[in-house]
Amino acid sequence: MNESPNSLTSRREFLKNTGRFAAASALAGVVLPHVHAAESNSIDVALIGCGGRGSGAASDALDTKGGPISLAAMADVFEHKLDGSYKGLKKQYGDLVDVPPDKKFIGFDGYKKAMDRLKPGDIAILATPPAFRWVHFKYAIEKGLNVFMEKPVAVDAPTGRRMIELGEEAKKKNLKVGVGLMVRHCRGRQKLYEKLKMGAIGQIIALRAYRMHPPVGSAFTDWSMKKDLSELMFQISRFHSFLWLSGGLFSDFYIHQIDECCWMKDSWPVKCQAVGGRHYRGDNIDQNFDAYQVEYTFADGSRFYMYGRTMLGAMDLFQSVAHGASGCATISLGGHHLGKAGRIFTGQEIKPDHQLWAAFPEANAPDPYKMEWQDLLDAIRNDKPYNEVERGAMASMITSMGRFAAHTAQEVTWEDFKNNNHEFAPDVDKLTLDSDAPLKAAGDHKYPVPEPGIKKDREY
C-alpha cells in the first residue's frame, strides 16, 4: 500500500525455533549484526500497561508455539491493574509467567525498569494509553528491543511525526516493530485485498464504515468516578474520555475501520469534512461526541464515509463495505474477526444470493489477533524486515484528521493536518505520580469540550 496520499514527506503465534535477533548498539544509524537473544534461544517479554489490551497481547504472545517464551517483567501506574493482570496470566500460563515482586514496577518510570530486565532482541509490549507511546518506544529503541505496540500510536500530528522518525531509528537498528492494527494480518482480508486489486468489483468508487453501539470502555465519565484519585490518575483511569490521552473514542475505536478501508482503497485520503455532536449528556464530563460522520476524500475524488455512534437505545451496526463499478465487498461485518466479512457480491447490495466469493467459511477464519503475533515473531526468528510504524502512524493521523474535522467543523486537508503543531501533552515524558494533569477541570468539575465553528484551529 502507498504510505501517503501523495508521498509522506516530507493479539498474537510463534513460528520456528531457529532465528536471529537484532542487538542494540551505542552507535545510532549502524546496521547491527544479528545475534541470538540467548543461548537457549528464548524470548523474554515485558508488559508495559497491564489493562485489558496489554493483558490480551501478553496472552496472545504466550499462546504462540515454536520456541521458548516467557513474561519476564510488568509495569503500570496502577498496582491493582498490574496485580490483576499478573494473577490472570499466571493462572492461565503457569511457569511461562515468571514475574516475581522484584520484576513488577509501579510508576511513570516503571517502563524503564521493566525494559531494563530484558536483553537485546527481547520484546516490549507497549499497551498504555497512546499518549505515552512515543516515550516508551524511544526507550525500547535505546535498549535494542523488538516491540509490539497497541494502536493508536499517536493522538495528534506532532506525535505522529515523532513516531515516524522513531520508526526510522528502529529500522537502523534492525529492530522488528508490530502495530496492533490486526486486521492487516487477517488472512481473509489479505485475500480480499488481492481480489480487489485484480478488479473483482471494478474501480472502487466509495467506501462506508459503521461502528454504532452503546458506550464502551471508559469513553463516558462523570466526576463521581474520581473518588480519591488525583486528577492526573483519574484521567488515566478513564483515558478514553480525554483527548490528550487517547484521542478519545474516535481515535481509539474507529481507527481499525478507517485503516482497513484505506488499505482496500490502497490510498490515504487527501482531505475530509465532518459533523458530530453531544446529546443527552447528563453528568458526563468527557470530551467525546456521541455521534460522528466523516467524509474522507481520496486523490481520485472517490469518497469514504465513516459513521460512529455510542448511544444507548440506538440501532447497533458494525460494518465496512467497499463499492466498485461492478459490485461490492464486505471488509468487516459484525466485528473485527473475519466472520461473514471478506465476501464479494454482484450489484451494490449485500444479499446471500448475490454472493460471488468468500475468503473463508465463517468457522474456519484464522484469528487476526493471533496472526499479527505470528507474523511479528516469524520476522524476529528469521530476521525478516518488519516495521509497521509508519503505516501505524499514518492510520493514527488520518483518524485524528477526521476527529479534528468533526471537532472544528472545518474542511481539513492532509497537507495542513500533518503540519499542525498543536500537541495535546508536550511534556508527557516528564509526568510523575505527583504531577498535575495536562488538562484541568474548571470549578464546576467540567472539562473543555470541542466547540465546532467557534474553535476552528484546535479541538478544545
Protein backbone atom coordinates (compact mmCIF):
# COMPACT_ATOMS: atom_id res chain seq x y z
CA MET A 1 0.00 0.00 0.00
CA ASN A 2 1.13 3.55 -0.71
CA GLU A 3 2.31 5.15 2.51
CA SER A 4 0.84 8.60 1.82
CA PRO A 5 -1.69 10.38 -0.35
CA ASN A 6 0.99 11.96 -2.45
CA SER A 7 4.07 10.70 -0.59
CA LEU A 8 4.57 11.18 3.10
CA THR A 9 7.03 13.94 3.29
CA SER A 10 8.24 15.26 3.66
CA ARG A 11 -3.05 -10.38 19.59
CA ARG A 12 -0.93 -12.67 18.56
CA GLU A 13 1.75 -17.33 17.16
CA PHE A 14 5.34 -18.25 17.40
CA LEU A 15 6.93 -19.92 14.46
CA LYS A 16 10.23 -21.72 14.21
CA ASN A 17 12.69 -22.48 16.95
CA THR A 18 15.57 -21.08 14.95
CA GLY A 19 16.28 -17.48 14.04
CA ARG A 20 18.27 -14.44 14.88
CA PHE A 21 17.73 -11.23 16.78
CA ALA A 22 18.78 -7.65 16.26
CA ALA A 23 21.05 -6.41 19.03
CA ALA A 24 21.41 -2.89 20.32
CA SER A 25 24.35 -0.67 19.51
CA ALA A 26 25.62 2.53 21.04
CA LEU A 27 26.13 3.91 17.53
CA ALA A 28 22.91 5.31 16.10
CA GLY A 29 22.45 4.55 12.42
CA VAL A 30 24.65 1.46 12.36
CA VAL A 31 23.05 -1.66 10.93
CA LEU A 32 23.72 -4.27 13.54
CA PRO A 33 24.92 -7.84 13.25
CA HIS A 34 22.37 -10.49 14.09
CA VAL A 35 22.77 -12.25 17.40
CA HIS A 36 20.76 -14.83 19.26
CA ALA A 37 18.68 -13.46 22.14
CA ALA A 38 20.31 -16.07 24.35
CA GLU A 39 21.96 -19.45 24.07
CA SER A 40 18.60 -21.03 24.88
CA ASN A 41 17.01 -19.05 22.02
CA SER A 42 14.37 -17.90 24.48
CA ILE A 43 12.45 -14.65 24.24
CA ASP A 44 11.50 -12.64 27.29
CA VAL A 45 8.61 -10.20 27.18
CA ALA A 46 7.98 -7.08 29.25
CA LEU A 47 4.38 -5.87 29.51
CA ILE A 48 4.12 -2.08 29.78
CA GLY A 49 0.50 -1.25 30.55
CA CYS A 50 -1.45 -4.03 32.24
CA GLY A 51 -5.02 -3.21 31.31
CA GLY A 52 -7.24 -5.37 29.15
CA ARG A 53 -5.39 -4.76 25.91
CA GLY A 54 -1.97 -5.29 27.41
CA SER A 55 -3.06 -8.48 29.15
CA GLY A 56 -4.64 -9.68 25.91
CA ALA A 57 -1.46 -9.01 23.94
CA ALA A 58 0.64 -10.84 26.54
CA SER A 59 -1.78 -13.76 26.42
CA ASP A 60 -1.55 -13.96 22.64
CA ALA A 61 2.25 -13.88 22.82
CA LEU A 62 2.35 -16.68 25.39
CA ASP A 63 -0.09 -18.74 23.32
CA THR A 64 2.35 -19.00 20.45
CA LYS A 65 4.24 -22.20 19.71
CA GLY A 66 7.64 -22.87 18.19
CA GLY A 67 10.11 -21.56 20.75
CA PRO A 68 10.56 -20.72 24.41
CA ILE A 69 8.95 -17.52 25.58
CA SER A 70 8.09 -16.06 28.96
CA LEU A 71 6.62 -12.96 30.52
CA ALA A 72 9.57 -11.57 32.50
CA ALA A 73 8.54 -8.10 33.72
CA MET A 74 5.46 -5.90 34.14
CA ALA A 75 4.85 -2.19 34.67
CA ASP A 76 1.82 0.03 35.22
CA VAL A 77 0.88 3.16 37.13
CA PHE A 78 -1.92 1.31 38.94
CA GLU A 79 -0.92 -1.52 41.27
CA HIS A 80 -4.35 -3.15 41.17
CA LYS A 81 -4.22 -3.41 37.38
CA LEU A 82 -0.77 -4.98 37.45
CA ASP A 83 -1.79 -7.43 40.17
CA GLY A 84 -5.00 -8.40 38.38
CA SER A 85 -3.20 -8.92 35.10
CA TYR A 86 -0.47 -10.97 36.75
CA LYS A 87 -2.90 -13.23 38.58
CA GLY A 88 -4.93 -13.90 35.45
CA LEU A 89 -1.91 -14.62 33.27
CA LYS A 90 -0.18 -16.71 35.93
CA LYS A 91 -3.29 -18.84 36.40
CA GLN A 92 -3.56 -19.44 32.68
CA TYR A 93 0.10 -19.87 31.71
CA GLY A 94 1.85 -21.05 34.86
CA ASP A 95 5.63 -21.13 34.56
CA LEU A 96 5.56 -19.06 31.36
CA VAL A 97 4.81 -16.12 33.64
CA ASP A 98 7.99 -15.52 35.63
CA VAL A 99 7.40 -12.14 37.28
CA PRO A 100 8.37 -12.14 40.96
CA PRO A 101 7.84 -8.95 43.01
CA ASP A 102 11.23 -7.51 42.05
CA LYS A 103 10.14 -7.55 38.36
CA LYS A 104 6.88 -5.67 38.95
CA PHE A 105 7.12 -1.91 38.73
CA ILE A 106 4.61 0.82 39.61
CA GLY A 107 5.01 4.41 38.49
CA PHE A 108 5.67 6.53 35.43
CA ASP A 109 9.28 5.30 35.29
CA GLY A 110 8.21 1.66 35.58
CA TYR A 111 8.57 1.17 31.82
CA LYS A 112 12.31 1.78 32.08
CA LYS A 113 12.74 -0.63 34.96
CA ALA A 114 10.75 -3.33 33.18
CA MET A 115 12.67 -2.93 29.91
CA ASP A 116 15.94 -2.93 31.83
CA ARG A 117 15.11 -6.52 32.78
CA LEU A 118 15.23 -7.57 29.13
CA LYS A 119 18.16 -8.40 26.87
CA PRO A 120 18.61 -7.04 23.34
CA GLY A 121 16.31 -8.91 20.98
CA ASP A 122 13.56 -9.45 23.55
CA ILE A 123 10.11 -7.87 23.15
CA ALA A 124 8.48 -4.92 24.88
CA ILE A 125 4.69 -4.78 24.67
CA LEU A 126 3.61 -1.12 24.76
CA ALA A 127 -0.05 -1.04 25.79
CA THR A 128 -0.52 2.08 27.92
CA PRO A 129 -2.81 4.90 26.70
CA PRO A 130 -1.29 6.12 23.41
CA ALA A 131 -0.16 9.48 24.81
CA PHE A 132 2.85 7.63 26.23
CA ARG A 133 3.64 5.59 23.12
CA TRP A 134 6.48 7.72 21.77
CA VAL A 135 8.12 7.95 25.21
CA HIS A 136 8.17 4.19 25.70
CA PHE A 137 9.09 3.42 22.09
CA LYS A 138 12.10 5.74 22.29
CA TYR A 139 13.46 3.88 25.30
CA ALA A 140 12.82 0.48 23.72
CA ILE A 141 14.92 1.54 20.73
CA GLU A 142 17.72 2.68 23.05
CA LYS A 143 17.63 -0.74 24.71
CA GLY A 144 17.71 -2.65 21.40
CA LEU A 145 14.29 -4.25 21.96
CA ASN A 146 11.80 -5.52 19.45
CA VAL A 147 8.36 -4.01 20.03
CA PHE A 148 4.69 -4.78 19.80
CA MET A 149 2.67 -1.62 20.34
CA GLU A 150 -1.06 -1.14 20.55
CA LYS A 151 -2.89 1.35 18.39
CA PRO A 152 -3.29 4.29 18.03
CA VAL A 153 0.39 5.11 18.10
CA ALA A 154 -0.25 8.87 18.21
CA VAL A 155 -3.14 11.19 19.07
CA ASP A 156 -2.10 14.35 17.20
CA ALA A 157 0.10 15.38 14.29
CA PRO A 158 3.28 16.26 16.23
CA THR A 159 3.39 12.87 17.98
CA GLY A 160 2.57 11.15 14.70
CA ARG A 161 5.56 12.78 13.03
CA ARG A 162 7.70 11.87 16.03
CA MET A 163 6.66 8.22 15.82
CA ILE A 164 7.63 8.07 12.14
CA GLU A 165 11.07 9.44 12.99
CA LEU A 166 11.46 6.88 15.77
CA GLY A 167 10.39 4.15 13.38
CA GLU A 168 13.27 5.07 11.13
CA GLU A 169 15.65 4.81 14.08
CA ALA A 170 14.29 1.34 14.82
CA LYS A 171 14.97 0.33 11.20
CA LYS A 172 18.58 1.46 11.51
CA LYS A 173 18.98 -0.91 14.46
CA ASN A 174 17.21 -3.73 12.60
CA LEU A 175 14.53 -3.91 15.28
CA LYS A 176 11.21 -5.54 14.44
CA VAL A 177 8.12 -3.50 15.31
CA GLY A 178 4.49 -4.59 15.12
CA VAL A 179 1.49 -2.27 15.50
CA GLY A 180 -1.83 -3.65 16.75
CA LEU A 181 -3.87 -2.97 13.62
CA MET A 182 -4.57 -6.67 13.46
CA VAL A 183 -6.96 -6.57 10.52
CA ARG A 184 -3.94 -6.11 8.25
CA HIS A 185 -2.87 -9.60 9.32
CA CYS A 186 -6.27 -11.17 8.75
CA ARG A 187 -5.75 -13.87 6.13
CA GLY A 188 -9.24 -13.40 4.75
CA ARG A 189 -8.87 -9.66 4.33
CA GLN A 190 -5.48 -10.20 2.69
CA LYS A 191 -7.21 -12.44 0.13
CA LEU A 192 -9.93 -9.83 -0.32
CA TYR A 193 -7.34 -7.11 -0.87
CA GLU A 194 -5.72 -9.15 -3.66
CA LYS A 195 -9.12 -9.78 -5.26
CA LEU A 196 -9.94 -6.09 -5.22
CA LYS A 197 -6.52 -5.23 -6.66
CA MET A 198 -7.28 -7.60 -9.54
CA GLY A 199 -10.52 -5.72 -10.23
CA ALA A 200 -13.07 -8.11 -8.73
CA ILE A 201 -15.59 -5.28 -8.23
CA GLY A 202 -14.08 -2.81 -10.70
CA GLN A 203 -12.68 0.54 -9.63
CA ILE A 204 -13.57 1.32 -6.00
CA ILE A 205 -15.72 4.42 -6.10
CA ALA A 206 -16.96 4.57 -2.50
CA LEU A 207 -16.42 3.01 0.91
CA ARG A 208 -18.57 3.20 4.02
CA ALA A 209 -17.99 2.06 7.58
CA TYR A 210 -20.18 1.99 10.68
CA ARG A 211 -19.34 1.48 14.31
CA MET A 212 -22.51 2.07 16.28
CA HIS A 213 -23.13 0.60 19.73
CA PRO A 214 -23.70 1.60 23.37
CA PRO A 215 -20.94 3.36 25.33
CA VAL A 216 -17.80 1.22 25.67
CA GLY A 217 -14.53 1.30 27.57
CA SER A 218 -14.06 4.47 29.60
CA ALA A 219 -15.47 6.78 26.92
CA PHE A 220 -18.10 8.30 29.21
CA THR A 221 -17.18 9.64 32.64
CA ASP A 222 -18.69 11.65 35.47
CA TRP A 223 -16.88 13.37 38.31
CA SER A 224 -18.06 10.85 40.92
CA MET A 225 -15.69 8.32 39.37
CA LYS A 226 -12.73 10.38 40.55
CA LYS A 227 -13.14 9.27 44.16
CA ASP A 228 -9.82 9.74 45.98
CA LEU A 229 -7.63 9.75 42.85
CA SER A 230 -5.53 12.73 41.84
CA GLU A 231 -6.79 14.49 38.72
CA LEU A 232 -3.97 13.01 36.66
CA MET A 233 -4.58 9.45 37.81
CA PHE A 234 -8.34 9.91 37.42
CA GLN A 235 -7.87 10.89 33.80
CA ILE A 236 -5.53 7.98 33.10
CA SER A 237 -8.01 5.59 34.69
CA ARG A 238 -10.69 6.92 32.28
CA PHE A 239 -8.38 7.52 29.32
CA HIS A 240 -10.99 7.08 26.56
CA SER A 241 -12.68 10.22 27.91
CA PHE A 242 -9.73 12.56 27.35
CA LEU A 243 -8.26 13.62 24.02
CA TRP A 244 -4.70 14.12 25.28
CA LEU A 245 -4.52 10.52 26.47
CA SER A 246 -6.27 8.56 23.74
CA GLY A 247 -7.59 10.80 21.00
CA GLY A 248 -10.97 9.96 22.51
CA LEU A 249 -13.28 7.18 21.45
CA PHE A 250 -12.97 8.29 17.81
CA SER A 251 -9.25 7.56 17.58
CA ASP A 252 -9.24 4.54 19.85
CA PHE A 253 -12.19 2.64 18.35
CA TYR A 254 -12.69 3.87 14.79
CA ILE A 255 -9.07 3.55 13.68
CA HIS A 256 -9.48 -0.12 12.70
CA GLN A 257 -12.21 0.53 10.16
CA ILE A 258 -10.58 3.68 8.86
CA ASP A 259 -7.35 1.75 8.38
CA GLU A 260 -8.94 -1.28 6.71
CA CYS A 261 -10.95 0.85 4.27
CA CYS A 262 -7.89 2.89 3.28
CA TRP A 263 -6.00 -0.39 2.84
CA MET A 264 -8.62 -1.76 0.45
CA LYS A 265 -8.57 1.53 -1.45
CA ASP A 266 -4.76 1.33 -1.44
CA SER A 267 -4.52 5.01 -0.62
CA TRP A 268 -4.78 7.56 2.17
CA PRO A 269 -7.33 10.42 1.97
CA VAL A 270 -6.19 13.88 0.96
CA LYS A 271 -8.90 15.77 2.85
CA CYS A 272 -12.05 15.38 4.93
CA GLN A 273 -15.00 17.22 6.40
CA ALA A 274 -17.24 16.03 9.21
CA VAL A 275 -20.12 16.60 11.58
CA GLY A 276 -20.72 15.42 15.15
CA GLY A 277 -22.41 16.33 18.37
CA ARG A 278 -23.18 15.61 22.03
CA HIS A 279 -26.64 14.52 23.17
CA TYR A 280 -28.31 13.56 26.48
CA ARG A 281 -25.08 14.20 28.35
CA GLY A 282 -26.37 14.33 31.91
CA ASP A 283 -23.40 14.47 34.29
CA ASN A 284 -20.81 13.25 31.77
CA ILE A 285 -17.65 15.35 31.73
CA ASP A 286 -15.68 13.58 28.99
CA GLN A 287 -14.53 15.28 25.78
CA ASN A 288 -16.19 12.90 23.30
CA PHE A 289 -19.05 13.46 20.90
CA ASP A 290 -21.81 10.86 20.90
CA ALA A 291 -22.09 10.74 17.11
CA TYR A 292 -19.65 11.36 14.27
CA GLN A 293 -19.89 11.32 10.49
CA VAL A 294 -16.74 11.92 8.45
CA GLU A 295 -16.49 12.20 4.67
CA TYR A 296 -12.94 11.41 3.58
CA THR A 297 -11.89 12.22 0.01
CA PHE A 298 -9.14 10.39 -1.90
CA ALA A 299 -6.92 11.91 -4.58
CA ASP A 300 -9.07 10.40 -7.36
CA GLY A 301 -12.20 12.06 -5.95
CA SER A 302 -13.76 8.90 -4.54
CA ARG A 303 -15.23 9.06 -1.03
CA PHE A 304 -15.07 7.09 2.20
CA TYR A 305 -17.85 7.67 4.73
CA MET A 306 -17.20 6.81 8.39
CA TYR A 307 -20.16 6.73 10.79
CA GLY A 308 -19.70 6.37 14.54
CA ARG A 309 -22.24 6.46 17.35
CA THR A 310 -22.13 5.49 21.04
CA MET A 311 -25.62 5.90 22.42
CA LEU A 312 -27.95 3.77 24.50
CA GLY A 313 -31.13 2.62 22.78
CA ALA A 314 -29.93 3.38 19.25
CA MET A 315 -29.53 0.84 16.46
CA ASP A 316 -26.30 -1.20 16.58
CA LEU A 317 -24.28 -1.61 13.40
CA PHE A 318 -20.70 -2.73 12.75
CA GLN A 319 -19.78 -2.92 9.08
CA SER A 320 -17.23 -1.85 6.46
CA VAL A 321 -18.13 -2.10 2.77
CA ALA A 322 -16.34 -1.26 -0.49
CA HIS A 323 -18.42 -0.34 -3.55
CA GLY A 324 -16.99 -0.74 -7.03
CA ALA A 325 -18.27 -0.12 -10.53
CA SER A 326 -19.39 -3.76 -10.88
CA GLY A 327 -20.08 -4.98 -7.36
CA CYS A 328 -19.40 -4.59 -3.65
CA ALA A 329 -17.38 -6.33 -0.93
CA THR A 330 -17.71 -6.67 2.84
CA ILE A 331 -14.47 -5.82 4.65
CA SER A 332 -15.93 -6.17 8.16
CA LEU A 333 -19.34 -7.41 9.21
CA GLY A 334 -20.32 -7.64 12.86
CA GLY A 335 -16.84 -7.24 14.33
CA HIS A 336 -13.10 -7.35 13.73
CA HIS A 337 -12.88 -11.13 13.42
CA LEU A 338 -13.41 -12.15 9.81
CA GLY A 339 -16.72 -13.97 10.28
CA LYS A 340 -19.03 -13.21 7.37
CA ALA A 341 -16.79 -10.45 6.07
CA GLY A 342 -14.27 -10.93 3.25
CA ARG A 343 -17.02 -11.55 0.68
CA ILE A 344 -17.76 -10.22 -2.80
CA PHE A 345 -21.23 -9.62 -4.25
CA THR A 346 -22.74 -8.69 -7.60
CA GLY A 347 -24.51 -5.36 -7.54
CA GLN A 348 -24.42 -2.94 -4.63
CA GLU A 349 -26.43 -4.84 -2.01
CA ILE A 350 -25.20 -7.47 0.43
CA LYS A 351 -27.56 -10.36 -0.33
CA PRO A 352 -26.76 -14.08 0.07
CA ASP A 353 -27.99 -14.92 -3.44
CA HIS A 354 -25.69 -12.23 -4.88
CA GLN A 355 -22.52 -13.63 -3.28
CA LEU A 356 -19.74 -14.49 -5.73
CA TRP A 357 -16.81 -15.28 -3.41
CA ALA A 358 -15.91 -15.76 0.25
CA ALA A 359 -12.44 -15.76 1.77
CA PHE A 360 -13.24 -18.46 4.36
CA PRO A 361 -16.22 -20.36 5.72
CA GLU A 362 -17.14 -18.47 8.88
CA ALA A 363 -15.97 -21.17 11.30
CA ASN A 364 -12.55 -21.56 9.67
CA ALA A 365 -11.33 -17.96 9.65
CA PRO A 366 -7.93 -17.62 11.40
CA ASP A 367 -7.89 -15.21 14.34
CA PRO A 368 -6.24 -11.93 13.21
CA TYR A 369 -5.07 -11.25 16.78
CA LYS A 370 -3.06 -14.47 16.60
CA MET A 371 -1.83 -13.81 13.07
CA GLU A 372 -0.27 -10.44 13.92
CA TRP A 373 1.87 -12.14 16.55
CA GLN A 374 2.72 -15.00 14.21
CA ASP A 375 3.95 -12.53 11.61
CA LEU A 376 5.97 -10.46 14.08
CA LEU A 377 7.65 -13.48 15.65
CA ASP A 378 8.37 -15.03 12.28
CA ALA A 379 10.21 -11.82 11.37
CA ILE A 380 12.16 -11.86 14.66
CA ARG A 381 13.16 -15.51 14.50
CA ASN A 382 14.03 -15.45 10.80
CA ASP A 383 15.42 -11.90 10.62
CA LYS A 384 12.95 -10.55 8.06
CA PRO A 385 12.41 -6.83 7.57
CA TYR A 386 9.46 -5.85 9.73
CA ASN A 387 8.49 -2.35 10.76
CA GLU A 388 4.85 -1.22 10.83
CA VAL A 389 5.46 2.14 12.48
CA GLU A 390 4.96 4.48 9.53
CA ARG A 391 1.77 2.73 8.47
CA GLY A 392 0.53 2.75 12.07
CA ALA A 393 1.35 6.44 12.42
CA MET A 394 -0.38 7.24 9.13
CA ALA A 395 -3.52 5.38 10.20
CA SER A 396 -3.42 7.18 13.55
CA MET A 397 -3.04 10.62 11.94
CA ILE A 398 -5.67 10.05 9.24
CA THR A 399 -8.04 9.01 12.02
CA SER A 400 -7.11 12.09 14.06
CA MET A 401 -7.67 14.24 10.98
CA GLY A 402 -11.29 13.05 10.80
CA ARG A 403 -11.78 13.68 14.52
CA PHE A 404 -10.24 17.16 14.13
CA ALA A 405 -12.65 17.95 11.26
CA ALA A 406 -15.66 16.96 13.37
CA HIS A 407 -14.47 18.86 16.43
CA THR A 408 -13.75 22.09 14.50
CA ALA A 409 -16.43 21.88 11.75
CA GLN A 410 -13.83 22.75 9.11
CA GLU A 411 -12.65 21.01 5.97
CA VAL A 412 -9.19 19.68 6.74
CA THR A 413 -6.57 18.74 4.17
CA TRP A 414 -3.89 16.17 4.83
CA GLU A 415 -1.19 18.70 4.00
CA ASP A 416 -2.49 21.09 6.64
CA PHE A 417 -3.16 18.47 9.28
CA LYS A 418 0.17 16.68 9.06
CA ASN A 419 1.93 20.02 9.63
CA ASN A 420 -0.30 21.04 12.52
CA ASN A 421 1.80 21.83 15.60
CA HIS A 422 -0.82 21.55 18.34
CA GLU A 423 0.40 18.81 20.66
CA PHE A 424 -2.06 17.92 23.43
CA ALA A 425 0.55 16.99 26.07
CA PRO A 426 4.07 18.05 25.04
CA ASP A 427 5.57 17.28 28.46
CA VAL A 428 4.07 13.82 28.90
CA ASP A 429 7.55 12.35 29.26
CA LYS A 430 8.05 14.41 32.45
CA LEU A 431 4.96 13.19 34.34
CA THR A 432 5.29 11.60 37.77
CA LEU A 433 2.74 10.22 40.21
CA ASP A 434 2.66 13.68 41.86
CA SER A 435 2.32 15.73 38.66
CA ASP A 436 -0.58 17.95 37.75
CA ALA A 437 -2.71 16.73 34.88
CA PRO A 438 -2.06 18.28 31.44
CA LEU A 439 -5.82 19.01 31.32
CA LYS A 440 -7.54 20.84 34.20
CA ALA A 441 -11.21 20.79 35.14
CA ALA A 442 -12.97 24.07 35.77
CA GLY A 443 -14.53 24.96 39.11
CA ASP A 444 -17.75 23.16 38.17
CA HIS A 445 -15.75 19.97 37.52
CA LYS A 446 -16.31 20.35 33.78
CA TYR A 447 -13.60 19.79 31.19
CA PRO A 448 -13.33 21.79 27.95
CA VAL A 449 -15.11 20.14 25.04
CA PRO A 450 -14.91 20.77 21.30
CA GLU A 451 -16.90 23.78 20.07
CA PRO A 452 -17.32 23.28 16.30
CA GLY A 453 -17.29 26.53 14.35
CA ILE A 454 -16.13 28.52 17.39
CA LYS A 455 -12.74 26.90 17.95
CA LYS A 456 -11.57 26.34 14.38
CA ASP A 457 -7.86 25.63 14.70
CA ARG A 458 -7.76 23.34 17.73
CA GLU A 459 -10.10 20.83 19.36
CA TYR A 460 -10.54 22.47 22.77
